Protein backbone atom coordinates (compact mmCIF):
# COMPACT_ATOMS: atom_id res chain seq x y z
CA MET A 1 -6.58 -2.19 17.19
CA ALA A 2 -5.43 0.16 14.45
CA ARG A 3 -1.98 -0.51 12.99
CA LYS A 4 0.49 2.30 13.73
CA LEU A 5 2.00 3.66 10.54
CA ILE A 6 4.84 5.99 9.57
CA ILE A 7 4.66 6.93 5.90
CA ASP A 8 8.00 7.89 4.39
CA THR A 9 7.06 10.01 1.40
CA ASP A 10 8.10 12.39 -1.38
CA PRO A 11 4.69 13.94 -2.24
CA GLY A 12 3.99 13.48 -5.24
CA ILE A 13 0.43 13.12 -6.59
CA ASP A 14 0.15 9.39 -5.94
CA ASP A 15 1.73 10.02 -2.51
CA ALA A 16 -1.12 12.42 -1.75
CA MET A 17 -3.65 9.77 -2.72
CA ALA A 18 -1.88 7.20 -0.54
CA ILE A 19 -1.65 9.51 2.47
CA PHE A 20 -5.34 10.37 2.19
CA LEU A 21 -6.24 6.67 1.91
CA ALA A 22 -4.29 5.96 5.10
CA LEU A 23 -5.85 8.88 6.97
CA THR A 24 -9.40 7.78 6.10
CA SER A 25 -8.89 4.10 6.99
CA PRO A 26 -9.87 3.08 10.54
CA GLU A 27 -7.54 0.08 10.32
CA LEU A 28 -4.56 2.48 10.36
CA ASP A 29 -3.21 5.04 12.82
CA VAL A 30 -0.81 7.37 11.02
CA ILE A 31 1.61 8.52 13.72
CA GLY A 32 3.93 10.50 11.46
CA LEU A 33 5.08 11.43 7.98
CA THR A 34 8.77 11.52 7.13
CA THR A 35 9.91 13.19 3.94
CA VAL A 36 12.60 12.40 1.40
CA PHE A 37 13.83 13.67 -1.95
CA GLY A 38 12.35 11.89 -4.94
CA ASN A 39 9.46 13.24 -6.93
CA VAL A 40 10.55 16.70 -5.75
CA ASP A 41 13.32 18.08 -3.54
CA VAL A 42 12.98 17.34 0.15
CA GLY A 43 12.01 20.94 1.02
CA THR A 44 9.06 20.83 -1.37
CA ALA A 45 8.20 17.32 -0.19
CA THR A 46 8.07 18.57 3.40
CA THR A 47 5.90 21.56 2.50
CA ASN A 48 3.55 19.25 0.62
CA ALA A 49 3.32 16.80 3.51
CA LEU A 50 2.35 19.61 5.88
CA ARG A 51 -0.24 20.99 3.47
CA LEU A 52 -1.78 17.57 2.81
CA LEU A 53 -2.23 17.02 6.54
CA GLU A 54 -3.77 20.48 6.82
CA ILE A 55 -6.24 19.69 4.01
CA ALA A 56 -7.15 16.49 5.83
CA GLY A 57 -7.64 18.31 9.14
CA ARG A 58 -4.78 16.30 10.69
CA SER A 59 -2.11 18.88 11.45
CA ASP A 60 -1.70 17.07 14.78
CA ILE A 61 0.34 14.42 12.95
CA PRO A 62 4.07 15.27 13.06
CA VAL A 63 6.16 15.67 9.92
CA ALA A 64 9.92 15.06 10.04
CA ARG A 65 12.16 16.27 7.23
CA GLY A 66 14.58 13.69 5.91
CA ALA A 67 17.29 13.07 3.36
CA ALA A 68 17.98 15.58 0.61
CA HIS A 69 20.12 13.22 -1.48
CA PRO A 70 21.01 9.52 -1.80
CA LEU A 71 23.56 7.71 0.33
CA ALA A 72 26.07 7.86 -2.53
CA GLY A 73 26.17 10.63 -5.11
CA PRO A 74 23.77 13.40 -6.11
CA VAL A 75 20.05 13.22 -6.84
CA ARG A 76 19.56 11.61 -10.24
CA SER A 77 16.56 13.77 -11.19
CA TYR A 78 13.15 14.89 -9.95
CA ALA A 79 9.86 13.78 -11.50
CA PHE A 80 8.52 17.17 -12.53
CA ASP A 81 7.09 15.75 -15.75
CA VAL A 82 5.00 13.29 -13.74
CA HIS A 83 3.97 15.36 -10.72
CA GLY A 84 4.58 19.00 -11.67
CA GLU A 85 7.24 21.38 -10.43
CA ASP A 86 5.46 21.61 -7.09
CA GLY A 87 4.78 17.86 -6.86
CA GLN A 88 1.05 18.58 -6.76
CA GLY A 89 0.13 18.99 -10.40
CA ASN A 90 1.30 22.62 -10.55
CA VAL A 91 -1.58 23.87 -8.40
CA PHE A 92 1.03 25.63 -6.19
CA LEU A 93 -0.60 25.31 -2.79
CA PRO A 94 -0.01 28.13 -0.31
CA PRO A 95 2.53 27.22 2.39
CA SER A 96 1.24 25.68 5.59
CA ASP A 97 1.31 27.49 8.92
CA ALA A 98 2.59 24.26 10.45
CA GLN A 99 6.28 23.38 10.72
CA PRO A 100 8.13 20.06 10.69
CA VAL A 101 9.37 18.73 14.00
CA ASP A 102 12.88 19.66 15.08
CA GLN A 103 14.14 16.15 14.42
CA ALA A 104 15.53 14.45 11.34
CA ALA A 105 13.42 11.76 9.74
CA ALA A 106 15.77 8.89 10.64
CA ALA A 107 15.85 9.96 14.29
CA PHE A 108 12.05 10.31 14.33
CA ILE A 109 11.63 6.80 12.91
CA ILE A 110 13.99 5.37 15.53
CA GLU A 111 12.26 7.18 18.39
CA GLN A 112 8.77 6.07 17.37
CA VAL A 113 9.65 2.46 16.63
CA MET A 114 11.77 1.93 19.73
CA ALA A 115 9.06 3.48 21.92
CA ALA A 116 6.52 0.89 20.72
CA PRO A 117 8.38 -2.33 19.83
CA GLY A 118 6.45 -4.60 17.51
CA GLU A 119 3.74 -2.03 16.83
CA VAL A 120 4.95 0.38 14.13
CA THR A 121 4.80 -0.39 10.42
CA LEU A 122 6.98 1.67 8.07
CA VAL A 123 5.47 2.43 4.67
CA PRO A 124 8.15 4.01 2.45
CA VAL A 125 6.75 5.21 -0.89
CA GLY A 126 9.86 7.05 -2.14
CA PRO A 127 13.61 6.38 -2.22
CA LEU A 128 14.68 4.34 0.80
CA THR A 129 17.39 6.67 2.09
CA ASN A 130 15.70 7.58 5.40
CA ILE A 131 15.05 3.93 6.18
CA ALA A 132 18.66 2.94 5.52
CA LEU A 133 19.94 5.87 7.59
CA ALA A 134 17.69 4.84 10.49
CA LEU A 135 19.08 1.30 10.29
CA ARG A 136 22.64 2.62 10.28
CA LEU A 137 21.95 4.66 13.42
CA GLU A 138 19.95 1.99 15.25
CA PRO A 139 20.40 -1.64 14.08
CA ARG A 140 17.89 -2.83 16.71
CA LEU A 141 15.13 -1.48 14.47
CA VAL A 142 15.27 -4.81 12.64
CA HIS A 143 13.75 -6.54 15.67
CA ALA A 144 11.60 -3.65 16.92
CA VAL A 145 9.63 -2.77 13.78
CA ARG A 146 6.37 -4.59 13.09
CA GLU A 147 6.81 -4.60 9.31
CA VAL A 148 8.17 -2.63 6.37
CA VAL A 149 5.74 -2.32 3.44
CA LEU A 150 7.44 -0.49 0.61
CA MET A 151 6.28 0.71 -2.77
CA GLY A 152 9.12 0.09 -5.16
CA GLY A 153 10.93 -2.33 -7.38
CA SER A 154 9.98 -4.77 -10.10
CA ALA A 155 10.78 -8.42 -9.53
CA LEU A 156 9.37 -10.04 -12.66
CA ALA A 157 8.14 -6.98 -14.56
CA LEU A 158 10.00 -4.29 -16.47
CA GLY A 159 10.98 -1.05 -14.77
CA ASN A 160 9.24 2.28 -15.33
CA VAL A 161 12.30 4.54 -15.60
CA ASN A 162 14.07 2.17 -17.98
CA PRO A 163 13.69 -1.56 -18.74
CA ALA A 164 15.54 -2.47 -15.51
CA ALA A 165 14.60 -0.06 -12.76
CA GLU A 166 11.59 1.31 -10.89
CA ALA A 167 11.84 4.98 -9.95
CA ASN A 168 11.95 4.76 -6.14
CA ILE A 169 14.65 2.09 -6.11
CA LEU A 170 16.71 3.89 -8.76
CA GLY A 171 16.50 6.99 -6.57
CA ASP A 172 18.89 5.31 -4.10
CA PRO A 173 19.90 1.73 -5.01
CA GLU A 174 22.54 1.54 -2.26
CA ALA A 175 19.93 2.36 0.38
CA ALA A 176 17.49 -0.11 -1.16
CA ASP A 177 20.01 -2.96 -1.04
CA VAL A 178 20.57 -2.26 2.66
CA VAL A 179 16.84 -2.25 3.37
CA PHE A 180 16.15 -5.47 1.45
CA GLY A 181 19.02 -7.20 3.23
CA ALA A 182 18.32 -6.06 6.79
CA GLY A 183 16.45 -9.18 7.91
CA TRP A 184 13.26 -7.54 9.15
CA PRO A 185 9.70 -8.39 8.05
CA LEU A 186 9.47 -6.70 4.64
CA VAL A 187 6.97 -6.73 1.78
CA MET A 188 7.70 -5.23 -1.63
CA VAL A 189 4.68 -3.80 -3.41
CA GLY A 190 6.23 -3.17 -6.80
CA LEU A 191 5.38 -2.78 -10.45
CA ASP A 192 4.51 -6.49 -10.65
CA VAL A 193 1.21 -5.55 -8.98
CA THR A 194 0.83 -1.78 -9.28
CA HIS A 195 0.75 -2.06 -13.09
CA LYS A 196 -2.23 -4.37 -12.66
CA VAL A 197 -4.21 -1.76 -10.70
CA VAL A 198 -5.56 0.80 -13.15
CA MET A 199 -7.79 3.62 -11.96
CA SER A 200 -10.19 4.47 -14.80
CA PRO A 201 -11.04 7.99 -16.06
CA GLU A 202 -14.53 7.52 -14.59
CA HIS A 203 -13.03 6.78 -11.18
CA LEU A 204 -10.79 9.84 -11.48
CA ASP A 205 -13.73 12.05 -12.49
CA ALA A 206 -15.71 10.88 -9.47
CA TYR A 207 -13.28 12.62 -7.10
CA GLY A 208 -14.57 15.96 -8.31
CA HIS A 209 -18.11 15.04 -7.30
CA ALA A 210 -17.24 13.88 -3.78
CA GLN A 211 -18.07 16.43 -1.12
CA ASN A 212 -14.96 16.23 1.02
CA PRO A 213 -11.74 18.27 0.90
CA LEU A 214 -9.48 15.25 0.38
CA ALA A 215 -11.28 14.10 -2.76
CA GLN A 216 -11.53 17.67 -3.97
CA HIS A 217 -7.76 18.09 -3.68
CA ILE A 218 -7.20 14.87 -5.61
CA ALA A 219 -9.59 16.16 -8.29
CA ARG A 220 -7.43 19.30 -8.63
CA ILE A 221 -4.08 17.54 -8.91
CA VAL A 222 -4.81 14.28 -10.74
CA PRO A 223 -5.41 15.76 -14.24
CA PHE A 224 -1.68 16.57 -14.50
CA TYR A 225 -0.83 12.98 -13.52
CA HIS A 226 -3.41 11.54 -15.90
CA ALA A 227 -2.04 13.66 -18.75
CA PHE A 228 1.41 12.15 -18.18
CA TYR A 229 -0.01 8.64 -18.49
CA GLN A 230 -1.94 9.54 -21.63
CA GLN A 231 1.27 10.80 -23.20
CA TYR A 232 3.66 8.03 -22.18
CA TYR A 233 1.27 5.06 -21.94
CA PRO A 234 -1.09 5.68 -24.89
CA GLY A 235 -2.72 2.26 -24.58
CA LEU A 236 -3.53 2.73 -20.89
CA ARG A 237 -7.02 3.82 -19.94
CA GLY A 238 -6.45 5.67 -16.68
CA ILE A 239 -3.51 5.70 -14.26
CA TYR A 240 -1.52 3.08 -12.42
CA VAL A 241 -2.10 2.96 -8.66
CA HIS A 242 1.38 2.88 -7.14
CA ASP A 243 1.72 4.33 -3.62
CA SER A 244 -1.87 3.63 -2.58
CA SER A 245 -1.25 -0.05 -3.26
CA ALA A 246 1.32 -0.16 -0.44
CA VAL A 247 -1.17 1.47 1.93
CA ALA A 248 -3.82 -0.99 0.75
CA TYR A 249 -1.50 -3.85 1.70
CA ALA A 250 -1.19 -2.40 5.22
CA ILE A 251 -5.00 -2.28 5.41
CA ASP A 252 -5.72 -5.70 3.91
CA PRO A 253 -2.87 -8.04 2.93
CA THR A 254 -5.37 -10.54 1.51
CA LEU A 255 -5.66 -8.30 -1.54
CA PHE A 256 -2.27 -9.61 -2.68
CA THR A 257 -0.51 -12.83 -3.61
CA VAL A 258 2.97 -12.83 -2.07
CA GLU A 259 6.06 -14.94 -2.75
CA GLN A 260 9.04 -15.19 -0.39
CA TRP A 261 12.35 -14.64 -2.18
CA PRO A 262 15.77 -13.17 -1.36
CA VAL A 263 16.27 -9.91 -3.29
CA ARG A 264 19.39 -8.03 -4.33
CA VAL A 265 19.45 -4.50 -5.74
CA GLU A 266 21.83 -3.77 -8.60
CA THR A 267 24.02 -0.74 -7.89
CA GLN A 268 26.18 -0.72 -11.04
CA GLY A 269 25.88 -0.30 -14.79
CA ILE A 270 22.83 -0.04 -17.00
CA SER A 271 20.80 -2.28 -14.65
CA ARG A 272 21.38 0.04 -11.68
CA GLY A 273 18.25 0.05 -9.54
CA LYS A 274 16.98 -3.37 -10.64
CA THR A 275 15.51 -5.53 -7.87
CA TRP A 276 16.73 -9.07 -8.57
CA PRO A 277 14.91 -11.91 -6.75
CA TYR A 278 16.20 -15.45 -6.66
CA THR A 279 13.10 -17.45 -7.59
CA GLY A 280 14.66 -20.90 -8.03
CA ASN A 281 14.21 -24.00 -5.91
CA GLY A 282 17.79 -25.26 -6.13
CA GLU A 283 20.83 -24.19 -4.20
CA THR A 284 20.74 -20.43 -3.70
CA PRO A 285 23.57 -18.80 -5.66
CA ALA A 286 26.32 -16.70 -4.11
CA GLY A 287 25.19 -13.12 -3.58
CA TRP A 288 21.66 -14.22 -2.65
CA ARG A 289 22.59 -17.08 -0.31
CA GLU A 290 23.21 -14.82 2.68
CA ARG A 291 20.15 -12.66 2.04
CA PRO A 292 16.89 -12.95 3.97
CA ARG A 293 13.70 -13.87 2.18
CA VAL A 294 11.28 -10.96 1.81
CA GLY A 295 7.70 -10.79 0.65
CA VAL A 296 7.31 -9.92 -3.02
CA CYS A 297 3.81 -9.13 -4.22
CA VAL A 298 3.23 -10.90 -7.54
CA ASP A 299 -0.54 -10.60 -8.00
CA VAL A 300 -3.40 -8.45 -6.73
CA ASP A 301 -7.19 -8.35 -6.64
CA ALA A 302 -7.26 -5.05 -8.48
CA GLU A 303 -11.02 -4.56 -8.45
CA ARG A 304 -11.24 -5.11 -4.71
CA LEU A 305 -8.34 -2.70 -4.13
CA LEU A 306 -9.97 0.00 -6.25
CA ALA A 307 -13.27 -0.54 -4.45
CA LEU A 308 -11.48 -0.10 -1.13
CA GLU A 309 -10.03 3.23 -2.25
CA ARG A 310 -13.39 4.45 -3.55
CA SER A 311 -15.08 3.51 -0.27
CA ARG A 312 -12.64 5.60 1.79
CA LEU A 313 -12.31 8.75 -0.32
CA MET A 314 -15.72 9.23 -1.95
């Protein structure tokens, strides 16, 4: 039976790739997209989500607009240099005829999860504000959700915004600390593994030769993303596969090696946004002692993951 999925997203070029991977995977049943600020403002993110579903021929899937800013303070910045001003490589898609549902993202998440206890997996691939807001409104989500599989954080690796922080977690560290501490089944698919999954230029070029609208859209938007990587990661041959890795975990967890550690998120100072696991075997220190253990992906079969993505989108 296909796993029910809600993808919480800030599309985003790699978000588009992840959404398309989920939609073309029979193991998954995408029952909704919820949108959040992050790569772009939440209005643009919502427009992009609607258009991506339209491209995929899945406008039947509801989209719920979510948080426009973090739990505390203003938006730090948007990732226009990575994803373009429109979040889709500056291709400036025409607006969709579809509209988001008349329900906030947090309320939509609560309604869907509580209507099917134990069945719905949440896959947040942006800042975790909507997820924290849903928890605040309905604490029973902790016991009703099947699993939370998030793209974000860096347990043992460096960050990608600065040496400490990964972008999604830095987008709302307060929300992230709530989500990591909630006590529900949670897996972190962070930079520890996504920086091991590198999609080659040949793989990227192949999208343009695939005769389906999803691959064709990726072929239009990914050059902007690839250009960013060429500029800022000159030794990298290709792009890192971030958001699609979280979807790949939902499809096939055996792709990953996972450790169980309690995790705190730093909310102060120059390390703001850092995901700190306690990896020791001795007495757990104060601050981590009361925290639940969560799954932290520490290794990945990158070639098998890339083959999975190729098989679904080309």
